């Protein structure tokens, strides 16, 4: 049986993203991962996707594409920035960025957040920090592609003036 996966592309004008960072609770910090532990990051990214019903169809294929795009050959993509949200020493949020204007997508992973940290403003803070990082790297616009209807598409990505464009549906085999 074939199922259609509906995707949406969000684009931001980075000049409209607030420069003042979001206020976080104590022991929480957003920063660029200087030397990211790929295995640890990948494990937390996979776990976050498992809690979102909108990703269940073809999740394994999506995760494989994401892994190959972000961690080719088991290490981070050259030129990529990994923005992390940490609670103490634990990474609870990740956003993989490719600060290249000529690329169709700059938020390679989108904002990925552990389930227990969702709906508390952390995703908004991580998105803002990610967009600011891209602006600080000289970009004027940034984009992400996600699935239509997932939590991020409905509530997070429209923030900071994110403009949505529906893409042509892609076919997915359902077992």
N, C-alpha and C. Protein backbone atom coordinates (compact mmCIF):
# COMPACT_ATOMS: atom_id res chain seq x y z
N UNK A 1 0.84 -1.18 0.00
CA UNK A 1 0.00 0.00 0.00
C UNK A 1 0.89 1.24 0.00
N UNK A 2 0.50 2.24 -0.79
CA UNK A 2 1.26 3.49 -0.86
C UNK A 2 0.55 4.56 -0.04
N UNK A 3 1.32 5.36 0.61
CA UNK A 3 0.80 6.46 1.40
C UNK A 3 1.53 7.72 0.94
N UNK A 4 0.86 8.84 0.94
CA UNK A 4 1.51 10.09 0.56
C UNK A 4 1.98 10.83 1.80
N UNK A 5 3.20 11.27 1.75
CA UNK A 5 3.77 12.08 2.82
C UNK A 5 3.74 13.52 2.34
N UNK A 6 3.04 14.34 3.08
CA UNK A 6 2.92 15.75 2.72
C UNK A 6 3.98 16.54 3.49
N UNK A 7 4.75 17.30 2.73
CA UNK A 7 5.83 18.08 3.31
C UNK A 7 5.54 19.57 3.17
N UNK A 8 6.16 20.33 4.05
CA UNK A 8 6.03 21.78 4.01
C UNK A 8 7.42 22.38 4.24
N UNK A 9 7.67 23.44 3.52
CA UNK A 9 8.95 24.17 3.65
C UNK A 9 8.67 25.47 4.37
N UNK A 10 9.39 25.73 5.43
CA UNK A 10 9.29 27.01 6.13
C UNK A 10 10.53 27.83 5.81
N UNK A 11 10.30 29.12 5.60
CA UNK A 11 11.41 30.03 5.31
C UNK A 11 11.28 31.26 6.20
N UNK A 12 12.41 31.73 6.68
CA UNK A 12 12.46 32.91 7.55
C UNK A 12 13.33 33.99 6.93
N UNK A 13 12.91 35.22 7.12
CA UNK A 13 13.74 36.39 6.84
C UNK A 13 14.51 36.62 8.14
N UNK A 14 15.81 36.37 8.12
CA UNK A 14 16.61 36.39 9.35
C UNK A 14 16.74 37.78 9.96
N UNK A 15 16.48 38.84 9.19
CA UNK A 15 16.52 40.19 9.74
C UNK A 15 15.38 40.41 10.74
N UNK A 16 14.35 39.57 10.69
CA UNK A 16 13.20 39.72 11.58
C UNK A 16 13.29 38.88 12.85
N UNK A 17 14.36 38.12 13.00
CA UNK A 17 14.52 37.27 14.18
C UNK A 17 15.11 38.12 15.31
N UNK A 18 14.49 38.10 16.49
CA UNK A 18 15.02 38.90 17.61
C UNK A 18 16.48 38.58 17.92
N UNK A 19 17.24 39.63 18.16
CA UNK A 19 18.66 39.45 18.46
C UNK A 19 18.88 39.07 19.91
N UNK A 20 17.99 39.51 20.79
CA UNK A 20 18.11 39.21 22.22
C UNK A 20 17.79 37.73 22.46
N UNK A 21 18.71 36.96 23.04
CA UNK A 21 18.43 35.54 23.26
C UNK A 21 17.29 35.33 24.26
N UNK A 22 16.62 34.22 24.13
CA UNK A 22 15.54 33.88 25.05
C UNK A 22 16.10 33.60 26.44
N UNK A 23 15.33 33.91 27.44
CA UNK A 23 15.72 33.63 28.82
C UNK A 23 15.41 32.17 29.12
N UNK A 24 16.39 31.47 29.64
CA UNK A 24 16.23 30.06 29.97
C UNK A 24 16.27 29.88 31.49
N UNK A 25 15.65 28.83 32.00
CA UNK A 25 15.73 28.54 33.43
C UNK A 25 17.17 28.21 33.83
N UNK A 26 17.47 28.27 35.13
CA UNK A 26 18.81 27.90 35.59
C UNK A 26 19.21 26.50 35.12
N UNK A 27 20.49 26.33 34.90
CA UNK A 27 21.09 25.06 34.47
C UNK A 27 20.75 24.68 33.03
N UNK A 28 20.16 25.59 32.26
CA UNK A 28 19.87 25.36 30.85
C UNK A 28 20.73 26.32 30.03
N UNK A 29 21.27 25.83 28.93
CA UNK A 29 22.15 26.65 28.11
C UNK A 29 22.03 26.21 26.65
N UNK A 30 22.03 27.20 25.75
CA UNK A 30 22.07 26.92 24.32
C UNK A 30 23.43 27.38 23.82
N UNK A 31 24.11 26.48 23.10
CA UNK A 31 25.45 26.81 22.60
C UNK A 31 25.77 26.00 21.36
N UNK A 32 26.83 26.40 20.69
CA UNK A 32 27.36 25.63 19.56
C UNK A 32 28.21 24.51 20.14
N UNK A 33 27.95 23.30 19.71
CA UNK A 33 28.74 22.16 20.17
C UNK A 33 30.10 22.20 19.46
N UNK A 34 31.14 22.43 20.22
CA UNK A 34 32.47 22.56 19.64
C UNK A 34 32.98 21.24 19.06
N UNK A 35 32.80 20.18 19.78
CA UNK A 35 33.26 18.86 19.34
C UNK A 35 32.17 17.86 19.68
N UNK A 36 31.09 17.85 18.89
CA UNK A 36 29.93 17.02 19.26
C UNK A 36 30.22 15.53 19.24
N UNK A 37 29.69 14.85 20.25
CA UNK A 37 29.77 13.39 20.31
C UNK A 37 28.65 12.86 19.42
N UNK A 38 29.00 12.46 18.22
CA UNK A 38 28.03 12.07 17.21
C UNK A 38 27.10 10.96 17.71
N UNK A 39 27.63 9.94 18.33
CA UNK A 39 26.80 8.81 18.78
C UNK A 39 25.75 9.28 19.79
N UNK A 40 26.14 10.12 20.72
CA UNK A 40 25.21 10.62 21.74
C UNK A 40 24.16 11.51 21.11
N UNK A 41 24.56 12.41 20.22
CA UNK A 41 23.61 13.29 19.54
C UNK A 41 22.63 12.47 18.71
N UNK A 42 23.14 11.50 17.97
CA UNK A 42 22.28 10.71 17.10
C UNK A 42 21.26 9.92 17.93
N UNK A 43 21.68 9.38 19.04
CA UNK A 43 20.76 8.63 19.91
C UNK A 43 19.63 9.53 20.41
N UNK A 44 19.95 10.73 20.86
CA UNK A 44 18.91 11.63 21.36
C UNK A 44 18.00 12.11 20.23
N UNK A 45 18.54 12.29 19.03
CA UNK A 45 17.72 12.71 17.88
C UNK A 45 16.71 11.62 17.53
N UNK A 46 17.16 10.37 17.48
CA UNK A 46 16.26 9.27 17.16
C UNK A 46 15.14 9.16 18.20
N UNK A 47 15.51 9.26 19.46
CA UNK A 47 14.54 9.14 20.54
C UNK A 47 13.46 10.22 20.44
N UNK A 48 13.84 11.43 20.09
CA UNK A 48 12.88 12.53 19.98
C UNK A 48 11.86 12.26 18.87
N UNK A 49 12.29 11.70 17.76
CA UNK A 49 11.37 11.41 16.65
C UNK A 49 10.35 10.33 17.02
N UNK A 50 10.70 9.41 17.88
CA UNK A 50 9.80 8.32 18.24
C UNK A 50 8.54 8.80 18.96
N UNK A 51 8.61 9.97 19.57
CA UNK A 51 7.47 10.49 20.34
C UNK A 51 6.52 11.34 19.51
N UNK A 52 6.80 11.53 18.24
CA UNK A 52 5.95 12.36 17.37
C UNK A 52 5.21 11.46 16.41
N UNK A 53 3.89 11.36 16.59
CA UNK A 53 3.07 10.47 15.76
C UNK A 53 3.19 10.78 14.28
N UNK A 54 3.36 12.03 13.92
CA UNK A 54 3.44 12.43 12.52
C UNK A 54 4.65 11.88 11.79
N UNK A 55 5.62 11.36 12.52
CA UNK A 55 6.83 10.82 11.89
C UNK A 55 6.81 9.30 11.79
N UNK A 56 5.79 8.64 12.33
CA UNK A 56 5.77 7.18 12.38
C UNK A 56 5.85 6.55 10.98
N UNK A 57 5.08 7.07 10.02
CA UNK A 57 5.12 6.53 8.67
C UNK A 57 6.49 6.80 8.06
N UNK A 58 7.15 5.75 7.68
CA UNK A 58 8.49 5.82 7.06
C UNK A 58 9.53 6.46 7.98
N UNK A 59 9.37 6.29 9.29
CA UNK A 59 10.33 6.88 10.24
C UNK A 59 11.74 6.35 10.00
N UNK A 60 11.87 5.04 9.82
CA UNK A 60 13.20 4.45 9.64
C UNK A 60 13.90 5.04 8.41
N UNK A 61 13.17 5.19 7.31
CA UNK A 61 13.76 5.77 6.10
C UNK A 61 14.12 7.23 6.31
N UNK A 62 13.25 7.97 7.01
CA UNK A 62 13.54 9.38 7.29
C UNK A 62 14.79 9.52 8.15
N UNK A 63 14.89 8.71 9.19
CA UNK A 63 16.06 8.79 10.07
C UNK A 63 17.34 8.43 9.32
N UNK A 64 17.26 7.46 8.43
CA UNK A 64 18.45 7.08 7.65
C UNK A 64 18.89 8.24 6.74
N UNK A 65 17.93 8.89 6.09
CA UNK A 65 18.26 10.05 5.25
C UNK A 65 18.87 11.17 6.09
N UNK A 66 18.29 11.41 7.26
CA UNK A 66 18.79 12.45 8.17
C UNK A 66 20.21 12.14 8.62
N UNK A 67 20.45 10.88 9.00
CA UNK A 67 21.78 10.48 9.45
C UNK A 67 22.81 10.67 8.35
N UNK A 68 22.48 10.28 7.14
CA UNK A 68 23.41 10.42 6.02
C UNK A 68 23.67 11.88 5.68
N UNK A 69 22.67 12.73 5.85
CA UNK A 69 22.82 14.15 5.54
C UNK A 69 23.64 14.88 6.61
N UNK A 70 23.43 14.53 7.86
CA UNK A 70 24.07 15.25 8.95
C UNK A 70 25.39 14.62 9.38
N UNK A 71 25.42 13.30 9.41
CA UNK A 71 26.61 12.59 9.89
C UNK A 71 27.17 11.63 8.83
N UNK A 72 27.51 12.14 7.64
CA UNK A 72 28.09 11.23 6.64
C UNK A 72 29.41 10.68 7.18
N UNK A 73 29.62 9.42 6.92
CA UNK A 73 30.85 8.74 7.36
C UNK A 73 31.03 8.78 8.87
N UNK A 74 29.94 8.93 9.62
CA UNK A 74 30.00 8.88 11.08
C UNK A 74 30.53 10.11 11.77
N UNK A 75 30.69 11.20 11.02
CA UNK A 75 31.13 12.45 11.64
C UNK A 75 30.29 13.58 11.09
N UNK A 76 30.36 14.75 11.73
CA UNK A 76 29.53 15.86 11.29
C UNK A 76 29.91 16.34 9.90
N UNK A 77 28.90 16.77 9.16
CA UNK A 77 29.08 17.31 7.82
C UNK A 77 30.01 18.52 7.88
N UNK A 78 30.92 18.61 6.96
CA UNK A 78 31.86 19.73 6.90
C UNK A 78 31.11 21.06 6.77
N UNK A 79 31.47 22.02 7.59
CA UNK A 79 30.87 23.35 7.54
C UNK A 79 29.57 23.49 8.33
N UNK A 80 29.13 22.41 8.95
CA UNK A 80 27.88 22.42 9.69
C UNK A 80 28.11 22.90 11.12
N UNK A 81 27.11 23.61 11.64
CA UNK A 81 27.10 24.00 13.05
C UNK A 81 26.04 23.16 13.75
N UNK A 82 26.37 22.66 14.93
CA UNK A 82 25.40 21.93 15.75
C UNK A 82 25.09 22.81 16.95
N UNK A 83 23.85 23.28 17.02
CA UNK A 83 23.40 24.06 18.16
C UNK A 83 22.71 23.10 19.11
N UNK A 84 23.12 23.14 20.38
CA UNK A 84 22.53 22.22 21.35
C UNK A 84 21.91 22.99 22.51
N UNK A 85 20.87 22.41 23.05
CA UNK A 85 20.26 22.88 24.30
C UNK A 85 20.67 21.87 25.35
N UNK A 86 21.32 22.34 26.38
CA UNK A 86 21.77 21.46 27.45
C UNK A 86 21.04 21.79 28.74
N UNK A 87 20.71 20.75 29.48
CA UNK A 87 20.21 20.88 30.84
C UNK A 87 21.28 20.25 31.70
N UNK A 88 22.09 21.09 32.32
CA UNK A 88 23.28 20.59 32.98
C UNK A 88 24.22 20.08 31.91
N UNK A 89 24.67 18.83 32.05
CA UNK A 89 25.56 18.27 31.04
C UNK A 89 24.81 17.45 29.99
N UNK A 90 23.50 17.30 30.17
CA UNK A 90 22.69 16.48 29.26
C UNK A 90 22.20 17.30 28.07
N UNK A 91 22.42 16.81 26.85
CA UNK A 91 21.90 17.45 25.65
C UNK A 91 20.43 17.03 25.51
N UNK A 92 19.52 18.03 25.51
CA UNK A 92 18.09 17.76 25.42
C UNK A 92 17.47 18.32 24.15
N UNK A 93 18.25 19.06 23.38
CA UNK A 93 17.77 19.61 22.13
C UNK A 93 18.92 19.79 21.15
N UNK A 94 18.62 19.62 19.86
CA UNK A 94 19.65 19.70 18.82
C UNK A 94 19.07 20.40 17.60
N UNK A 95 19.91 21.18 16.94
CA UNK A 95 19.56 21.78 15.66
C UNK A 95 20.83 21.80 14.81
N UNK A 96 20.83 21.02 13.75
CA UNK A 96 21.99 20.94 12.85
C UNK A 96 21.80 21.98 11.74
N UNK A 97 22.76 22.87 11.59
CA UNK A 97 22.66 23.99 10.66
C UNK A 97 23.74 23.91 9.58
N UNK A 98 23.35 24.28 8.37
CA UNK A 98 24.30 24.39 7.27
C UNK A 98 24.26 25.84 6.79
N UNK A 99 25.17 26.66 7.28
CA UNK A 99 25.13 28.10 6.96
C UNK A 99 25.64 28.43 5.57
N UNK A 100 24.92 27.96 4.56
CA UNK A 100 25.28 28.22 3.16
C UNK A 100 24.03 28.71 2.44
N UNK A 101 24.06 29.94 1.97
CA UNK A 101 22.90 30.55 1.32
C UNK A 101 22.48 29.79 0.06
N UNK A 102 23.43 29.17 -0.62
CA UNK A 102 23.12 28.50 -1.88
C UNK A 102 22.41 27.15 -1.68
N UNK A 103 22.36 26.66 -0.46
CA UNK A 103 21.67 25.39 -0.17
C UNK A 103 20.17 25.64 -0.04
N UNK A 104 19.34 24.67 -0.45
CA UNK A 104 17.89 24.87 -0.35
C UNK A 104 17.38 24.84 1.10
N UNK A 105 18.13 24.20 2.00
CA UNK A 105 17.73 24.07 3.40
C UNK A 105 18.95 24.35 4.27
N UNK A 106 18.77 25.19 5.30
CA UNK A 106 19.85 25.50 6.21
C UNK A 106 19.66 24.83 7.58
N UNK A 107 18.42 24.59 7.98
CA UNK A 107 18.15 23.85 9.21
C UNK A 107 18.01 22.39 8.81
N UNK A 108 19.13 21.70 8.75
CA UNK A 108 19.17 20.34 8.22
C UNK A 108 18.30 19.37 9.01
N UNK A 109 18.37 19.46 10.31
CA UNK A 109 17.62 18.53 11.15
C UNK A 109 16.30 19.13 11.61
N UNK A 110 16.15 20.43 11.46
CA UNK A 110 15.05 21.09 12.13
C UNK A 110 15.39 21.16 13.61
N UNK A 111 14.45 21.60 14.41
CA UNK A 111 14.65 21.65 15.86
C UNK A 111 14.18 20.32 16.43
N UNK A 112 15.08 19.62 17.09
CA UNK A 112 14.78 18.32 17.68
C UNK A 112 14.92 18.47 19.20
N UNK A 113 13.87 18.10 19.90
CA UNK A 113 13.82 18.32 21.35
C UNK A 113 13.31 17.07 22.04
N UNK A 114 13.96 16.67 23.15
CA UNK A 114 13.46 15.55 23.94
C UNK A 114 12.01 15.82 24.32
N UNK A 115 11.22 14.76 24.35
CA UNK A 115 9.79 14.88 24.56
C UNK A 115 9.45 15.65 25.85
N UNK A 116 10.15 15.36 26.93
CA UNK A 116 9.81 16.01 28.21
C UNK A 116 10.15 17.50 28.25
N UNK A 117 10.84 18.00 27.24
CA UNK A 117 11.18 19.42 27.19
C UNK A 117 10.30 20.18 26.19
N UNK A 118 9.41 19.46 25.52
CA UNK A 118 8.53 20.11 24.56
C UNK A 118 7.41 20.85 25.26
N UNK A 119 6.85 21.84 24.55
CA UNK A 119 5.72 22.65 25.02
C UNK A 119 6.05 23.43 26.29
N UNK A 120 7.31 23.82 26.42
CA UNK A 120 7.75 24.60 27.58
C UNK A 120 8.58 25.81 27.16
N UNK A 121 8.60 26.11 25.85
CA UNK A 121 9.34 27.27 25.37
C UNK A 121 10.77 26.96 24.94
N UNK A 122 11.25 25.75 25.19
CA UNK A 122 12.62 25.41 24.83
C UNK A 122 12.80 25.30 23.32
N UNK A 123 11.79 24.78 22.63
CA UNK A 123 11.87 24.68 21.17
C UNK A 123 11.95 26.06 20.53
N UNK A 124 11.15 27.00 21.06
CA UNK A 124 11.19 28.38 20.56
C UNK A 124 12.57 28.98 20.78
N UNK A 125 13.13 28.76 21.96
CA UNK A 125 14.46 29.29 22.27
C UNK A 125 15.53 28.68 21.36
N UNK A 126 15.42 27.38 21.10
CA UNK A 126 16.40 26.70 20.24
C UNK A 126 16.26 27.15 18.79
N UNK A 127 15.01 27.32 18.33
CA UNK A 127 14.79 27.83 16.98
C UNK A 127 15.37 29.24 16.83
N UNK A 128 15.09 30.10 17.80
CA UNK A 128 15.60 31.47 17.74
C UNK A 128 17.13 31.48 17.71
N UNK A 129 17.74 30.68 18.58
CA UNK A 129 19.22 30.62 18.62
C UNK A 129 19.76 30.09 17.29
N UNK A 130 19.09 29.12 16.71
CA UNK A 130 19.53 28.56 15.42
C UNK A 130 19.45 29.60 14.32
N UNK A 131 18.33 30.30 14.25
CA UNK A 131 18.16 31.34 13.23
C UNK A 131 19.15 32.48 13.44
N UNK A 132 19.41 32.86 14.69
CA UNK A 132 20.39 33.91 14.97
C UNK A 132 21.78 33.46 14.54
N UNK A 133 22.11 32.20 14.78
CA UNK A 133 23.42 31.68 14.38
C UNK A 133 23.59 31.80 12.87
N UNK A 134 22.55 31.46 12.12
CA UNK A 134 22.61 31.57 10.66
C UNK A 134 22.74 33.03 10.24
N UNK A 135 22.02 33.92 10.90
CA UNK A 135 22.13 35.36 10.60
C UNK A 135 23.54 35.86 10.92
N UNK A 136 24.08 35.41 12.05
CA UNK A 136 25.44 35.82 12.43
C UNK A 136 26.49 35.30 11.46
N UNK A 137 26.16 34.23 10.76
CA UNK A 137 27.08 33.68 9.76
C UNK A 137 26.90 34.34 8.39
N UNK A 138 26.03 35.38 8.34
CA UNK A 138 25.89 36.18 7.12
C UNK A 138 24.71 35.84 6.23
N UNK A 139 23.87 34.92 6.63
CA UNK A 139 22.72 34.57 5.80
C UNK A 139 21.58 35.56 6.01
N UNK A 140 20.81 35.78 4.95
CA UNK A 140 19.64 36.65 5.02
C UNK A 140 18.36 35.86 5.19
N UNK A 141 18.36 34.63 4.69
CA UNK A 141 17.19 33.76 4.76
C UNK A 141 17.63 32.37 5.19
N UNK A 142 16.67 31.64 5.76
CA UNK A 142 16.93 30.25 6.16
C UNK A 142 15.65 29.45 5.94
N UNK A 143 15.83 28.14 5.73
CA UNK A 143 14.67 27.28 5.48
C UNK A 143 14.85 25.91 6.14
N UNK A 144 13.71 25.25 6.32
CA UNK A 144 13.65 23.88 6.81
C UNK A 144 12.52 23.18 6.08
N UNK A 145 12.64 21.88 5.90
CA UNK A 145 11.55 21.09 5.33
C UNK A 145 11.13 20.08 6.40
N UNK A 146 9.83 20.00 6.62
CA UNK A 146 9.29 19.08 7.61
C UNK A 146 8.01 18.46 7.07
N UNK A 147 7.42 17.61 7.84
CA UNK A 147 6.15 17.01 7.45
C UNK A 147 5.01 17.90 7.89
N UNK A 148 4.02 17.99 7.03
CA UNK A 148 2.83 18.76 7.34
C UNK A 148 2.12 18.11 8.53
N UNK A 149 1.68 18.91 9.46
CA UNK A 149 0.90 18.41 10.58
C UNK A 149 1.68 18.03 11.82
N UNK A 150 3.01 17.87 11.73
CA UNK A 150 3.76 17.55 12.93
C UNK A 150 3.76 18.78 13.85
N UNK A 151 4.03 18.56 15.11
CA UNK A 151 3.96 19.63 16.11
C UNK A 151 4.79 20.84 15.71
N UNK A 152 6.00 20.63 15.23
CA UNK A 152 6.86 21.75 14.86
C UNK A 152 6.24 22.58 13.73
N UNK A 153 5.63 21.91 12.76
CA UNK A 153 5.01 22.62 11.63
C UNK A 153 3.79 23.42 12.08
N UNK A 154 3.08 22.91 13.05
CA UNK A 154 1.86 23.58 13.50
C UNK A 154 2.13 24.71 14.47
N UNK A 155 3.10 24.54 15.36
CA UNK A 155 3.26 25.50 16.44
C UNK A 155 4.61 26.21 16.50
N UNK A 156 5.68 25.55 16.09
CA UNK A 156 7.02 26.13 16.26
C UNK A 156 7.49 26.93 15.05
N UNK A 157 7.51 26.33 13.89
CA UNK A 157 8.11 26.97 12.73
C UNK A 157 7.38 28.23 12.24
N UNK A 158 6.09 28.41 12.52
CA UNK A 158 5.47 29.69 12.14
C UNK A 158 6.00 30.89 12.95
N UNK A 159 6.68 30.62 14.07
CA UNK A 159 7.21 31.71 14.90
C UNK A 159 8.33 32.44 14.16
N UNK A 160 8.56 33.66 14.56
CA UNK A 160 9.58 34.52 13.97
C UNK A 160 9.32 34.77 12.49
N UNK A 161 8.04 34.73 12.11
CA UNK A 161 7.66 35.03 10.73
C UNK A 161 7.90 33.91 9.75
N UNK A 162 7.99 32.67 10.21
CA UNK A 162 8.20 31.53 9.32
C UNK A 162 7.05 31.39 8.33
N UNK A 163 7.37 31.44 7.05
CA UNK A 163 6.37 31.34 5.98
C UNK A 163 6.37 29.92 5.43
N UNK A 164 5.18 29.31 5.39
CA UNK A 164 5.05 27.93 4.96
C UNK A 164 4.68 27.84 3.49
N UNK A 165 5.28 26.89 2.79
CA UNK A 165 4.95 26.56 1.41
C UNK A 165 4.81 25.04 1.34
N UNK A 166 3.65 24.59 0.89
CA UNK A 166 3.46 23.15 0.72
C UNK A 166 4.27 22.65 -0.46
N UNK A 167 4.85 21.48 -0.30
CA UNK A 167 5.62 20.85 -1.36
C UNK A 167 4.80 19.72 -1.95
N UNK A 168 5.21 19.23 -3.10
CA UNK A 168 4.53 18.10 -3.72
C UNK A 168 4.65 16.88 -2.79
N UNK A 169 3.56 16.15 -2.58
CA UNK A 169 3.63 14.96 -1.72
C UNK A 169 4.58 13.93 -2.30
N UNK A 170 5.21 13.16 -1.42
CA UNK A 170 6.08 12.08 -1.84
C UNK A 170 5.43 10.77 -1.42
N UNK A 171 5.64 9.74 -2.22
CA UNK A 171 5.06 8.43 -1.92
C UNK A 171 5.90 7.70 -0.90
N UNK A 172 5.21 6.96 -0.05
CA UNK A 172 5.88 6.13 0.95
C UNK A 172 5.16 4.81 1.02
N UNK A 173 5.93 3.73 1.06
CA UNK A 173 5.34 2.40 1.22
C UNK A 173 5.01 2.20 2.69
N UNK A 174 3.83 1.70 2.92
CA UNK A 174 3.42 1.37 4.28
C UNK A 174 3.37 -0.14 4.39
N UNK A 175 4.09 -0.71 5.38
CA UNK A 175 4.14 -2.17 5.49
C UNK A 175 2.77 -2.74 5.85
